[in-house]
């Protein structure tokens, strides 16, 4: 999955769908239904 495009090209970019959305390990859908209940991400501490 390297994002469509003309002709053959290899890598050089993160794996993307033909529409340029990141794939492979990247979450592509947002969980809108429960977003309002999440006040603070639990994983924020690890990132800093």
C-alpha atoms as a PDB file:
ATOM      1  CA  UNK A   1       0.000   0.000   0.000  1.00  0.00           C
ATOM      2  CA  UNK A   2       2.032   2.934  -1.196  1.00  0.00           C
ATOM      3  CA  UNK A   3      -0.591   5.312  -2.406  1.00  0.00           C
ATOM      4  CA  UNK A   4      -1.508   4.702  -6.029  1.00  0.00           C
ATOM      5  CA  UNK A   5       0.059   7.256  -8.332  1.00  0.00           C
ATOM      6  CA  UNK A   6       1.332   6.897 -11.866  1.00  0.00           C
ATOM      7  CA  UNK A   7       3.850   4.277 -12.862  1.00  0.00           C
ATOM      8  CA  UNK A   8       5.980   2.129 -10.595  1.00  0.00           C
ATOM      9  CA  UNK A   9       7.715   3.652  -7.634  1.00  0.00           C
ATOM     10  CA  UNK A  10       9.194   1.912  -4.639  1.00  0.00           C
ATOM     11  CA  UNK A  11       8.947   3.015  -1.010  1.00  0.00           C
ATOM     12  CA  UNK A  12      10.244   6.371   0.045  1.00  0.00           C
ATOM     13  CA  UNK A  13       7.069   7.189   1.929  1.00  0.00           C
ATOM     14  CA  UNK A  14       4.947   5.788   4.715  1.00  0.00           C
ATOM     15  CA  UNK A  15       2.536   3.066   3.604  1.00  0.00           C
ATOM     16  CA  UNK A  16      -0.621   4.810   2.457  1.00  0.00           C
ATOM     17  CA  UNK A  17      -3.888   3.901   0.819  1.00  0.00           C
ATOM     18  CA  UNK A  18      -4.498   4.984  -2.767  1.00  0.00           C
ATOM     19  CA  UNK A  19      -6.098   8.121  -1.313  1.00  0.00           C
ATOM     20  CA  UNK A  20      -3.057   9.072   0.730  1.00  0.00           C
ATOM     21  CA  UNK A  21      -4.417   8.019   4.114  1.00  0.00           C
ATOM     22  CA  UNK A  22      -1.764   6.317   6.262  1.00  0.00           C
ATOM     23  CA  UNK A  23      -2.159   2.554   6.656  1.00  0.00           C
ATOM     24  CA  UNK A  24      -0.344  -0.319   8.365  1.00  0.00           C
ATOM     25  CA  UNK A  25      -0.517   0.247  12.087  1.00  0.00           C
ATOM     26  CA  UNK A  26      -2.043   3.701  11.835  1.00  0.00           C
ATOM     27  CA  UNK A  27      -5.599   3.988  13.115  1.00  0.00           C
ATOM     28  CA  UNK A  28      -7.679   5.311  10.275  1.00  0.00           C
ATOM     29  CA  UNK A  29     -11.066   5.570  11.946  1.00  0.00           C
ATOM     30  CA  UNK A  30     -11.973   7.855  14.785  1.00  0.00           C
ATOM     31  CA  UNK A  31     -14.340   6.551  17.437  1.00  0.00           C
ATOM     32  CA  UNK A  32     -16.747   9.451  17.371  1.00  0.00           C
ATOM     33  CA  UNK A  33     -19.415   7.788  19.485  1.00  0.00           C
ATOM     34  CA  UNK A  34     -17.404   7.725  22.698  1.00  0.00           C
ATOM     35  CA  UNK A  35     -15.240  10.777  22.117  1.00  0.00           C
ATOM     36  CA  UNK A  36     -17.352  12.948  24.377  1.00  0.00           C
ATOM     37  CA  UNK A  37     -16.632  10.746  27.381  1.00  0.00           C
ATOM     38  CA  UNK A  38     -12.861  10.860  27.015  1.00  0.00           C
ATOM     39  CA  UNK A  39     -11.655  13.798  29.053  1.00  0.00           C
ATOM     40  CA  UNK A  40      -7.926  13.101  28.979  1.00  0.00           C
ATOM     41  CA  UNK A  41      -5.969  10.532  27.049  1.00  0.00           C
ATOM     42  CA  UNK A  42      -4.347   7.917  29.256  1.00  0.00           C
ATOM     43  CA  UNK A  43      -1.461   7.570  26.840  1.00  0.00           C
ATOM     44  CA  UNK A  44      -0.428  11.202  26.848  1.00  0.00           C
ATOM     45  CA  UNK A  45       2.024  10.719  29.706  1.00  0.00           C
ATOM     46  CA  UNK A  46       4.043   8.128  27.822  1.00  0.00           C
ATOM     47  CA  UNK A  47       4.451  10.360  24.796  1.00  0.00           C
ATOM     48  CA  UNK A  48       6.160  13.237  26.599  1.00  0.00           C
END
